Structures are given as C-alpha cells and as structure tokens.
Amino acid sequence: MNMDEPKILSGLGQCGYCYPLADVSHLSEKEKKDLLRHGMRMPKELHSDEEFEQWVTVFAEWNTYSYSDGHKPTEDERMFEKMVTAKYERILWYHRKRFN
C-alpha cells in the first residue's frame, strides 16, 4: 500500500448515531437536572452508555437553538435540532471511549 494514498478511518463515520432518543419518562425532574449537571462536566461524570444515552435525551431537550429573526421552530425543526445535537454528542462520547 502506498503511504500517500488516502486511508479510511474506521469507526469514525457519522452513520449509525441517528437512532431514537432514550425514554426518560420514568425520571423525575430532579433526576433529569442531576443527570444534566453530571453530563455537562468535563470529563463527563457518567458511568455507563445507558446513563449517557439518558443524558443525551435530557440535554437535547434542554439545548434549544435561538433564531435571530424571532422564528419559532416547528415540531419537525425542533426534532431535527434534537437529533443533530444527540448525534454530535454520541460521536464524541463513543470516539473518546474507543480511543482514550
């Protein structure tokens, strides 16, 4: 193999991170706030992939985008924003787990 040829890095692709958000309906508001706080720290104070997935759901709900023109997003736009946020956070989490 020629060292000048481009190589594909496995495991870093973005497909595969667009699955549904976790069900957090069983968590109380206090538990959601605690989970949000633990996940916002660097490094994240989350102890399992399941806990991380719950955090992603709570974080995506909490993390809202602001529109400078005062636009109120539709439900579809809001769901798209949540999924983009979740996908980004998942890529970071699973990449760090794999390479750290």
PDB file of N, CA and C in Angstrom:
ATOM      1  N   MET A   1       0.847  -1.181   0.000  1.00  0.00           N
ATOM      2  CA  MET A   1       0.000   0.000   0.000  1.00  0.00           C
ATOM      3  C   MET A   1       0.889   1.241   0.000  1.00  0.00           C
ATOM      4  N   ASN A   2       0.583   2.164  -0.843  1.00  0.00           N
ATOM      5  CA  ASN A   2       1.309   3.418  -0.949  1.00  0.00           C
ATOM      6  C   ASN A   2       0.924   4.317   0.224  1.00  0.00           C
ATOM      7  N   MET A   3       1.908   4.868   0.911  1.00  0.00           N
ATOM      8  CA  MET A   3       1.640   5.710   2.084  1.00  0.00           C
ATOM      9  C   MET A   3       0.982   7.035   1.720  1.00  0.00           C
ATOM     10  N   ASP A   4       1.028   7.421   0.443  1.00  0.00           N
ATOM     11  CA  ASP A   4       0.434   8.680   0.020  1.00  0.00           C
ATOM     12  C   ASP A   4      -1.052   8.555  -0.313  1.00  0.00           C
ATOM     13  N   GLU A   5      -1.557   7.339  -0.365  1.00  0.00           N
ATOM     14  CA  GLU A   5      -2.970   7.134  -0.680  1.00  0.00           C
ATOM     15  C   GLU A   5      -3.821   7.463   0.542  1.00  0.00           C
ATOM     16  N   PRO A   6      -4.975   8.074   0.314  1.00  0.00           N
ATOM     17  CA  PRO A   6      -5.848   8.366   1.461  1.00  0.00           C
ATOM     18  C   PRO A   6      -6.346   7.081   2.102  1.00  0.00           C
ATOM     19  N   LYS A   7      -6.516   7.125   3.402  1.00  0.00           N
ATOM     20  CA  LYS A   7      -6.992   5.961   4.146  1.00  0.00           C
ATOM     21  C   LYS A   7      -8.319   6.287   4.802  1.00  0.00           C
ATOM     22  N   ILE A   8      -9.139   5.293   4.944  1.00  0.00           N
ATOM     23  CA  ILE A   8     -10.425   5.449   5.605  1.00  0.00           C
ATOM     24  C   ILE A   8     -10.248   5.054   7.064  1.00  0.00           C
ATOM     25  N   LEU A   9     -10.621   5.949   7.953  1.00  0.00           N
ATOM     26  CA  LEU A   9     -10.564   5.638   9.374  1.00  0.00           C
ATOM     27  C   LEU A   9     -11.854   4.938   9.771  1.00  0.00           C
ATOM     28  N   SER A  10     -11.746   3.748  10.266  1.00  0.00           N
ATOM     29  CA  SER A  10     -12.947   3.014  10.650  1.00  0.00           C
ATOM     30  C   SER A  10     -13.444   3.478  12.009  1.00  0.00           C
ATOM     31  N   GLY A  11     -14.738   3.392  12.198  1.00  0.00           N
ATOM     32  CA  GLY A  11     -15.339   3.721  13.478  1.00  0.00           C
ATOM     33  C   GLY A  11     -15.604   5.191  13.707  1.00  0.00           C
ATOM     34  N   LEU A  12     -15.281   6.036  12.750  1.00  0.00           N
ATOM     35  CA  LEU A  12     -15.484   7.465  12.939  1.00  0.00           C
ATOM     36  C   LEU A  12     -16.597   8.014  12.066  1.00  0.00           C
ATOM     37  N   GLY A  13     -17.224   7.161  11.278  1.00  0.00           N
ATOM     38  CA  GLY A  13     -18.300   7.618  10.412  1.00  0.00           C
ATOM     39  C   GLY A  13     -19.491   8.095  11.213  1.00  0.00           C
ATOM     40  N   GLN A  14     -20.277   8.978  10.631  1.00  0.00           N
ATOM     41  CA  GLN A  14     -21.412   9.539  11.359  1.00  0.00           C
ATOM     42  C   GLN A  14     -22.660   8.679  11.257  1.00  0.00           C
ATOM     43  N   CYS A  15     -22.747   7.802  10.269  1.00  0.00           N
ATOM     44  CA  CYS A  15     -23.946   6.969  10.196  1.00  0.00           C
ATOM     45  C   CYS A  15     -23.896   5.971  11.354  1.00  0.00           C
ATOM     46  N   GLY A  16     -25.027   5.627  11.858  1.00  0.00           N
ATOM     47  CA  GLY A  16     -25.073   4.728  13.000  1.00  0.00           C
ATOM     48  C   GLY A  16     -25.301   5.458  14.312  1.00  0.00           C
ATOM     49  N   TYR A  17     -25.301   6.770  14.295  1.00  0.00           N
ATOM     50  CA  TYR A  17     -25.518   7.544  15.512  1.00  0.00           C
ATOM     51  C   TYR A  17     -26.876   8.233  15.507  1.00  0.00           C
ATOM     52  N   CYS A  18     -27.707   7.926  14.539  1.00  0.00           N
ATOM     53  CA  CYS A  18     -29.013   8.591  14.396  1.00  0.00           C
ATOM     54  C   CYS A  18     -30.152   7.691  14.855  1.00  0.00           C
ATOM     55  N   TYR A  19     -30.005   7.037  15.968  1.00  0.00           N
ATOM     56  CA  TYR A  19     -31.083   6.200  16.475  1.00  0.00           C
ATOM     57  C   TYR A  19     -31.929   7.000  17.459  1.00  0.00           C
ATOM     58  N   PRO A  20     -33.101   6.517  17.795  1.00  0.00           N
ATOM     59  CA  PRO A  20     -34.029   7.281  18.647  1.00  0.00           C
ATOM     60  C   PRO A  20     -33.437   7.638  20.009  1.00  0.00           C
ATOM     61  N   LEU A  21     -33.952   8.700  20.571  1.00  0.00           N
ATOM     62  CA  LEU A  21     -33.542   9.122  21.905  1.00  0.00           C
ATOM     63  C   LEU A  21     -34.079   8.153  22.953  1.00  0.00           C
ATOM     64  N   ALA A  22     -33.399   8.070  24.077  1.00  0.00           N
ATOM     65  CA  ALA A  22     -33.805   7.170  25.159  1.00  0.00           C
ATOM     66  C   ALA A  22     -35.102   7.644  25.810  1.00  0.00           C
ATOM     67  N   ASP A  23     -35.824   6.716  26.377  1.00  0.00           N
ATOM     68  CA  ASP A  23     -37.040   7.042  27.127  1.00  0.00           C
ATOM     69  C   ASP A  23     -36.624   7.468  28.534  1.00  0.00           C
ATOM     70  N   VAL A  24     -36.892   8.708  28.869  1.00  0.00           N
ATOM     71  CA  VAL A  24     -36.549   9.219  30.204  1.00  0.00           C
ATOM     72  C   VAL A  24     -37.807   9.601  30.986  1.00  0.00           C
ATOM     73  N   SER A  25     -38.948   9.092  30.547  1.00  0.00           N
ATOM     74  CA  SER A  25     -40.217   9.451  31.189  1.00  0.00           C
ATOM     75  C   SER A  25     -40.297   8.964  32.634  1.00  0.00           C
ATOM     76  N   HIS A  26     -39.505   7.954  32.979  1.00  0.00           N
ATOM     77  CA  HIS A  26     -39.514   7.427  34.350  1.00  0.00           C
ATOM     78  C   HIS A  26     -38.671   8.272  35.311  1.00  0.00           C
ATOM     79  N   LEU A  27     -37.874   9.211  34.788  1.00  0.00           N
ATOM     80  CA  LEU A  27     -37.029  10.053  35.633  1.00  0.00           C
ATOM     81  C   LEU A  27     -37.814  11.258  36.147  1.00  0.00           C
ATOM     82  N   SER A  28     -37.577  11.602  37.398  1.00  0.00           N
ATOM     83  CA  SER A  28     -38.206  12.802  37.961  1.00  0.00           C
ATOM     84  C   SER A  28     -37.476  14.031  37.419  1.00  0.00           C
ATOM     85  N   GLU A  29     -38.054  15.203  37.626  1.00  0.00           N
ATOM     86  CA  GLU A  29     -37.392  16.436  37.178  1.00  0.00           C
ATOM     87  C   GLU A  29     -36.058  16.629  37.900  1.00  0.00           C
ATOM     88  N   LYS A  30     -36.001  16.271  39.180  1.00  0.00           N
ATOM     89  CA  LYS A  30     -34.743  16.379  39.931  1.00  0.00           C
ATOM     90  C   LYS A  30     -33.695  15.437  39.347  1.00  0.00           C
ATOM     91  N   GLU A  31     -34.086  14.209  39.027  1.00  0.00           N
ATOM     92  CA  GLU A  31     -33.147  13.254  38.437  1.00  0.00           C
ATOM     93  C   GLU A  31     -32.642  13.756  37.080  1.00  0.00           C
ATOM     94  N   LYS A  32     -33.526  14.365  36.296  1.00  0.00           N
ATOM     95  CA  LYS A  32     -33.117  14.912  34.998  1.00  0.00           C
ATOM     96  C   LYS A  32     -32.122  16.050  35.179  1.00  0.00           C
ATOM     97  N   LYS A  33     -32.374  16.926  36.144  1.00  0.00           N
ATOM     98  CA  LYS A  33     -31.447  18.044  36.402  1.00  0.00           C
ATOM     99  C   LYS A  33     -30.098  17.531  36.879  1.00  0.00           C
ATOM    100  N   ASP A  34     -30.109  16.528  37.768  1.00  0.00           N
ATOM    101  CA  ASP A  34     -28.848  15.941  38.248  1.00  0.00           C
ATOM    102  C   ASP A  34     -28.083  15.287  37.101  1.00  0.00           C
ATOM    103  N   LEU A  35     -28.801  14.563  36.265  1.00  0.00           N
ATOM    104  CA  LEU A  35     -28.186  13.910  35.114  1.00  0.00           C
ATOM    105  C   LEU A  35     -27.588  14.949  34.166  1.00  0.00           C
ATOM    106  N   LEU A  36     -28.321  16.000  33.905  1.00  0.00           N
ATOM    107  CA  LEU A  36     -27.842  17.074  33.039  1.00  0.00           C
ATOM    108  C   LEU A  36     -26.555  17.682  33.603  1.00  0.00           C
ATOM    109  N   ARG A  37     -26.549  17.936  34.889  1.00  0.00           N
ATOM    110  CA  ARG A  37     -25.370  18.530  35.549  1.00  0.00           C
ATOM    111  C   ARG A  37     -24.159  17.604  35.447  1.00  0.00           C
ATOM    112  N   HIS A  38     -24.345  16.312  35.702  1.00  0.00           N
ATOM    113  CA  HIS A  38     -23.226  15.355  35.638  1.00  0.00           C
ATOM    114  C   HIS A  38     -22.668  15.231  34.222  1.00  0.00           C
ATOM    115  N   GLY A  39     -23.525  15.320  33.239  1.00  0.00           N
ATOM    116  CA  GLY A  39     -23.075  15.202  31.853  1.00  0.00           C
ATOM    117  C   GLY A  39     -22.423  16.452  31.308  1.00  0.00           C
ATOM    118  N   MET A  40     -22.650  17.598  31.955  1.00  0.00           N
ATOM    119  CA  MET A  40     -22.077  18.860  31.477  1.00  0.00           C
ATOM    120  C   MET A  40     -20.643  19.047  31.964  1.00  0.00           C
ATOM    121  N   ARG A  41     -20.217  18.273  32.931  1.00  0.00           N
ATOM    122  CA  ARG A  41     -18.857  18.402  33.457  1.00  0.00           C
ATOM    123  C   ARG A  41     -17.857  17.777  32.490  1.00  0.00           C
ATOM    124  N   MET A  42     -16.637  18.268  32.549  1.00  0.00           N
ATOM    125  CA  MET A  42     -15.565  17.681  31.750  1.00  0.00           C
ATOM    126  C   MET A  42     -14.513  17.141  32.691  1.00  0.00           C
ATOM    127  N   PRO A  43     -14.183  15.868  32.677  1.00  0.00           N
ATOM    128  CA  PRO A  43     -14.873  14.872  31.852  1.00  0.00           C
ATOM    129  C   PRO A  43     -16.262  14.586  32.403  1.00  0.00           C
ATOM    130  N   LYS A  44     -17.092  14.059  31.545  1.00  0.00           N
ATOM    131  CA  LYS A  44     -18.457  13.753  31.948  1.00  0.00           C
ATOM    132  C   LYS A  44     -18.457  12.774  33.120  1.00  0.00           C
ATOM    133  N   GLU A  45     -19.334  13.005  34.068  1.00  0.00           N
ATOM    134  CA  GLU A  45     -19.446  12.132  35.237  1.00  0.00           C
ATOM    135  C   GLU A  45     -20.566  11.126  35.009  1.00  0.00           C
ATOM    136  N   LEU A  46     -20.492  10.444  33.892  1.00  0.00           N
ATOM    137  CA  LEU A  46     -21.472   9.425  33.538  1.00  0.00           C
ATOM    138  C   LEU A  46     -20.756   8.088  33.553  1.00  0.00           C
ATOM    139  N   HIS A  47     -21.438   7.059  34.037  1.00  0.00           N
ATOM    140  CA  HIS A  47     -20.750   5.803  34.313  1.00  0.00           C
ATOM    141  C   HIS A  47     -21.089   4.656  33.375  1.00  0.00           C
ATOM    142  N   SER A  48     -21.994   4.872  32.450  1.00  0.00           N
ATOM    143  CA  SER A  48     -22.341   3.795  31.521  1.00  0.00           C
ATOM    144  C   SER A  48     -22.916   4.397  30.240  1.00  0.00           C
ATOM    145  N   ASP A  49     -22.969   3.581  29.205  1.00  0.00           N
ATOM    146  CA  ASP A  49     -23.576   4.030  27.953  1.00  0.00           C
ATOM    147  C   ASP A  49     -25.062   4.324  28.144  1.00  0.00           C
ATOM    148  N   GLU A  50     -25.717   3.530  28.992  1.00  0.00           N
ATOM    149  CA  GLU A  50     -27.146   3.757  29.260  1.00  0.00           C
ATOM    150  C   GLU A  50     -27.357   5.120  29.920  1.00  0.00           C
ATOM    151  N   GLU A  51     -26.525   5.443  30.905  1.00  0.00           N
ATOM    152  CA  GLU A  51     -26.629   6.736  31.567  1.00  0.00           C
ATOM    153  C   GLU A  51     -26.323   7.863  30.574  1.00  0.00           C
ATOM    154  N   PHE A  52     -25.325   7.646  29.711  1.00  0.00           N
ATOM    155  CA  PHE A  52     -25.005   8.635  28.686  1.00  0.00           C
ATOM    156  C   PHE A  52     -26.193   8.862  27.759  1.00  0.00           C
ATOM    157  N   GLU A  53     -26.839   7.794  27.302  1.00  0.00           N
ATOM    158  CA  GLU A  53     -27.975   7.929  26.386  1.00  0.00           C
ATOM    159  C   GLU A  53     -29.133   8.679  27.046  1.00  0.00           C
ATOM    160  N   GLN A  54     -29.341   8.461  28.344  1.00  0.00           N
ATOM    161  CA  GLN A  54     -30.358   9.240  29.060  1.00  0.00           C
ATOM    162  C   GLN A  54     -29.948  10.707  29.106  1.00  0.00           C
ATOM    163  N   TRP A  55     -28.662  10.968  29.357  1.00  0.00           N
ATOM    164  CA  TRP A  55     -28.179  12.347  29.377  1.00  0.00           C
ATOM    165  C   TRP A  55     -28.378  13.015  28.017  1.00  0.00           C
ATOM    166  N   VAL A  56     -28.072  12.301  26.939  1.00  0.00           N
ATOM    167  CA  VAL A  56     -28.237  12.863  25.591  1.00  0.00           C
ATOM    168  C   VAL A  56     -29.679  13.307  25.380  1.00  0.00           C
ATOM    169  N   THR A  57     -30.622  12.504  25.808  1.00  0.00           N
ATOM    170  CA  THR A  57     -32.031  12.840  25.646  1.00  0.00           C
ATOM    171  C   THR A  57     -32.382  14.102  26.431  1.00  0.00           C
ATOM    172  N   VAL A  58     -31.967  14.149  27.691  1.00  0.00           N
ATOM    173  CA  VAL A  58     -32.256  15.315  28.533  1.00  0.00           C
ATOM    174  C   VAL A  58     -31.548  16.547  27.969  1.00  0.00           C
ATOM    175  N   PHE A  59     -30.303  16.401  27.558  1.00  0.00           N
ATOM    176  CA  PHE A  59     -29.536  17.521  27.018  1.00  0.00           C
ATOM    177  C   PHE A  59     -30.152  18.043  25.721  1.00  0.00           C
ATOM    178  N   ALA A  60     -30.558  17.145  24.841  1.00  0.00           N
ATOM    179  CA  ALA A  60     -31.152  17.564  23.564  1.00  0.00           C
ATOM    180  C   ALA A  60     -32.454  18.327  23.790  1.00  0.00           C
ATOM    181  N   GLU A  61     -33.216  17.941  24.798  1.00  0.00           N
ATOM    182  CA  GLU A  61     -34.441  18.672  25.139  1.00  0.00           C
ATOM    183  C   GLU A  61     -34.114  20.060  25.683  1.00  0.00           C
ATOM    184  N   TRP A  62     -33.085  20.137  26.508  1.00  0.00           N
ATOM    185  CA  TRP A  62     -32.703  21.381  27.176  1.00  0.00           C
ATOM    186  C   TRP A  62     -32.017  22.352  26.204  1.00  0.00           C
ATOM    187  N   ASN A  63     -31.205  21.809  25.296  1.00  0.00           N
ATOM    188  CA  ASN A  63     -30.391  22.621  24.391  1.00  0.00           C
ATOM    189  C   ASN A  63     -31.257  23.134  23.238  1.00  0.00           C
ATOM    190  N   THR A  64     -31.706  24.364  23.339  1.00  0.00           N
ATOM    191  CA  THR A  64     -32.537  24.931  22.273  1.00  0.00           C
ATOM    192  C   THR A  64     -31.740  25.947  21.482  1.00  0.00           C
ATOM    193  N   TYR A  65     -32.035  26.011  20.224  1.00  0.00           N
ATOM    194  CA  TYR A  65     -31.369  26.962  19.343  1.00  0.00           C
ATOM    195  C   TYR A  65     -32.170  28.260  19.313  1.00  0.00           C
ATOM    196  N   SER A  66     -31.480  29.367  19.217  1.00  0.00           N
ATOM    197  CA  SER A  66     -32.140  30.666  19.126  1.00  0.00           C
ATOM    198  C   SER A  66     -32.073  31.161  17.691  1.00  0.00           C
ATOM    199  N   TYR A  67     -33.150  31.737  17.245  1.00  0.00           N
ATOM    200  CA  TYR A  67     -33.192  32.311  15.909  1.00  0.00           C
ATOM    201  C   TYR A  67     -33.181  33.822  16.054  1.00  0.00           C
ATOM    202  N   SER A  68     -32.270  34.477  15.355  1.00  0.00           N
ATOM    203  CA  SER A  68     -32.123  35.931  15.492  1.00  0.00           C
ATOM    204  C   SER A  68     -33.327  36.694  14.950  1.00  0.00           C
ATOM    205  N   ASP A  69     -34.068  36.063  14.058  1.00  0.00           N
ATOM    206  CA  ASP A  69     -35.225  36.762  13.485  1.00  0.00           C
ATOM    207  C   ASP A  69     -36.521  36.486  14.252  1.00  0.00           C
ATOM    208  N   GLY A  70     -36.408  35.810  15.400  1.00  0.00           N
ATOM    209  CA  GLY A  70     -37.587  35.538  16.210  1.00  0.00           C
ATOM    210  C   GLY A  70     -38.410  34.348  15.734  1.00  0.00           C
ATOM    211  N   HIS A  71     -37.888  33.592  14.773  1.00  0.00           N
ATOM    212  CA  HIS A  71     -38.594  32.425  14.247  1.00  0.00           C
ATOM    213  C   HIS A  71     -38.851  31.405  15.353  1.00  0.00           C
ATOM    214  N   LYS A  72     -40.058  30.920  15.434  1.00  0.00           N
ATOM    215  CA  LYS A  72     -40.411  29.845  16.362  1.00  0.00           C
ATOM    216  C   LYS A  72     -40.360  28.537  15.571  1.00  0.00           C
ATOM    217  N   PRO A  73     -39.478  27.627  15.953  1.00  0.00           N
ATOM    218  CA  PRO A  73     -39.340  26.395  15.177  1.00  0.00           C
ATOM    219  C   PRO A  73     -40.595  25.518  15.238  1.00  0.00           C
ATOM    220  N   THR A  74     -40.831  24.826  14.140  1.00  0.00           N
ATOM    221  CA  THR A  74     -41.928  23.858  14.093  1.00  0.00           C
ATOM    222  C   THR A  74     -41.503  22.614  14.867  1.00  0.00           C
ATOM    223  N   GLU A  75     -42.429  21.734  15.111  1.00  0.00           N
ATOM    224  CA  GLU A  75     -42.115  20.480  15.801  1.00  0.00           C
ATOM    225  C   GLU A  75     -41.090  19.671  15.009  1.00  0.00           C
ATOM    226  N   ASP A  76     -41.200  19.650  13.683  1.00  0.00           N
ATOM    227  CA  ASP A  76     -40.231  18.928  12.851  1.00  0.00           C
ATOM    228  C   ASP A  76     -38.849  19.559  12.944  1.00  0.00           C
ATOM    229  N   GLU A  77     -38.783  20.887  12.917  1.00  0.00           N
ATOM    230  CA  GLU A  77     -37.495  21.575  13.046  1.00  0.00           C
ATOM    231  C   GLU A  77     -36.874  21.304  14.417  1.00  0.00           C
ATOM    232  N   ARG A  78     -37.684  21.308  15.444  1.00  0.00           N
ATOM    233  CA  ARG A  78     -37.190  21.053  16.801  1.00  0.00           C
ATOM    234  C   ARG A  78     -36.672  19.627  16.935  1.00  0.00           C
ATOM    235  N   MET A  79     -37.384  18.659  16.346  1.00  0.00           N
ATOM    236  CA  MET A  79     -36.934  17.266  16.387  1.00  0.00           C
ATOM    237  C   MET A  79     -35.620  17.114  15.628  1.00  0.00           C
ATOM    238  N   PHE A  80     -35.498  17.795  14.490  1.00  0.00           N
ATOM    239  CA  PHE A  80     -34.256  17.761  13.724  1.00  0.00           C
ATOM    240  C   PHE A  80     -33.101  18.309  14.572  1.00  0.00           C
ATOM    241  N   GLU A  81     -33.312  19.427  15.252  1.00  0.00           N
ATOM    242  CA  GLU A  81     -32.282  20.023  16.109  1.00  0.00           C
ATOM    243  C   GLU A  81     -31.868  19.059  17.222  1.00  0.00           C
ATOM    244  N   LYS A  82     -32.846  18.390  17.834  1.00  0.00           N
ATOM    245  CA  LYS A  82     -32.542  17.436  18.905  1.00  0.00           C
ATOM    246  C   LYS A  82     -31.696  16.285  18.387  1.00  0.00           C
ATOM    247  N   MET A  83     -32.030  15.796  17.197  1.00  0.00           N
ATOM    248  CA  MET A  83     -31.287  14.669  16.645  1.00  0.00           C
ATOM    249  C   MET A  83     -29.873  15.075  16.235  1.00  0.00           C
ATOM    250  N   VAL A  84     -29.698  16.281  15.717  1.00  0.00           N
ATOM    251  CA  VAL A  84     -28.357  16.770  15.379  1.00  0.00           C
ATOM    252  C   VAL A  84     -27.511  16.874  16.647  1.00  0.00           C
ATOM    253  N   THR A  85     -28.093  17.409  17.705  1.00  0.00           N
ATOM    254  CA  THR A  85     -27.395  17.528  18.983  1.00  0.00           C
ATOM    255  C   THR A  85     -27.019  16.150  19.515  1.00  0.00           C
ATOM    256  N   ALA A  86     -27.965  15.223  19.504  1.00  0.00           N
ATOM    257  CA  ALA A  86     -27.710  13.870  20.011  1.00  0.00           C
ATOM    258  C   ALA A  86     -26.620  13.181  19.197  1.00  0.00           C
ATOM    259  N   LYS A  87     -26.680  13.307  17.893  1.00  0.00           N
ATOM    260  CA  LYS A  87     -25.693  12.679  17.012  1.00  0.00           C
ATOM    261  C   LYS A  87     -24.292  13.207  17.320  1.00  0.00           C
ATOM    262  N   TYR A  88     -24.165  14.515  17.446  1.00  0.00           N
ATOM    263  CA  TYR A  88     -22.870  15.135  17.741  1.00  0.00           C
ATOM    264  C   TYR A  88     -22.316  14.626  19.073  1.00  0.00           C
ATOM    265  N   GLU A  89     -23.143  14.634  20.112  1.00  0.00           N
ATOM    266  CA  GLU A  89     -22.691  14.188  21.430  1.00  0.00           C
ATOM    267  C   GLU A  89     -22.340  12.710  21.430  1.00  0.00           C
ATOM    268  N   ARG A  90     -23.105  11.901  20.702  1.00  0.00           N
ATOM    269  CA  ARG A  90     -22.805  10.466  20.614  1.00  0.00           C
ATOM    270  C   ARG A  90     -21.468  10.229  19.935  1.00  0.00           C
ATOM    271  N   ILE A  91     -21.208  10.946  18.864  1.00  0.00           N
ATOM    272  CA  ILE A  91     -19.933  10.777  18.156  1.00  0.00           C
ATOM    273  C   ILE A  91     -18.779  11.075  19.110  1.00  0.00           C
ATOM    274  N   LEU A  92     -18.875  12.158  19.859  1.00  0.00           N
ATOM    275  CA  LEU A  92     -17.811  12.495  20.809  1.00  0.00           C
ATOM    276  C   LEU A  92     -17.644  11.425  21.887  1.00  0.00           C
ATOM    277  N   TRP A  93     -18.766  11.020  22.477  1.00  0.00           N
ATOM    278  CA  TRP A  93     -18.728  10.045  23.581  1.00  0.00           C
ATOM    279  C   TRP A  93     -18.101   8.731  23.138  1.00  0.00           C
ATOM    280  N   TYR A  94     -18.594   8.163  22.045  1.00  0.00           N
ATOM    281  CA  TYR A  94     -18.113   6.846  21.621  1.00  0.00           C
ATOM    282  C   TYR A  94     -16.708   6.918  21.037  1.00  0.00           C
ATOM    283  N   HIS A  95     -16.330   8.031  20.444  1.00  0.00           N
ATOM    284  CA  HIS A  95     -14.957   8.209  19.970  1.00  0.00           C
ATOM    285  C   HIS A  95     -13.996   8.241  21.159  1.00  0.00           C
ATOM    286  N   ARG A  96     -14.342   9.011  22.184  1.00  0.00           N
ATOM    287  CA  ARG A  96     -13.484   9.093  23.377  1.00  0.00           C
ATOM    288  C   ARG A  96     -13.370   7.743  24.069  1.00  0.00           C
ATOM    289  N   LYS A  97     -14.466   7.025  24.135  1.00  0.00           N
ATOM    290  CA  LYS A  97     -14.429   5.690  24.761  1.00  0.00           C
ATOM    291  C   LYS A  97     -13.503   4.757  24.000  1.00  0.00           C
ATOM    292  N   ARG A  98     -13.531   4.870  22.694  1.00  0.00           N
ATOM    293  CA  ARG A  98     -12.746   3.956  21.878  1.00  0.00           C
ATOM    294  C   ARG A  98     -11.258   4.287  21.897  1.00  0.00           C
ATOM    295  N   PHE A  99     -10.927   5.571  21.914  1.00  0.00           N
ATOM    296  CA  PHE A  99      -9.529   5.957  21.744  1.00  0.00           C
ATOM    297  C   PHE A  99      -8.862   6.509  23.000  1.00  0.00           C
ATOM    298  N   ASN A 100      -9.539   6.567  24.116  1.00  0.00           N
ATOM    299  CA  ASN A 100      -8.899   7.056  25.353  1.00  0.00           C
ATOM    300  C   ASN A 100      -8.717   5.937  26.348  1.00  0.00           C
TER     301      ASN A 100
END
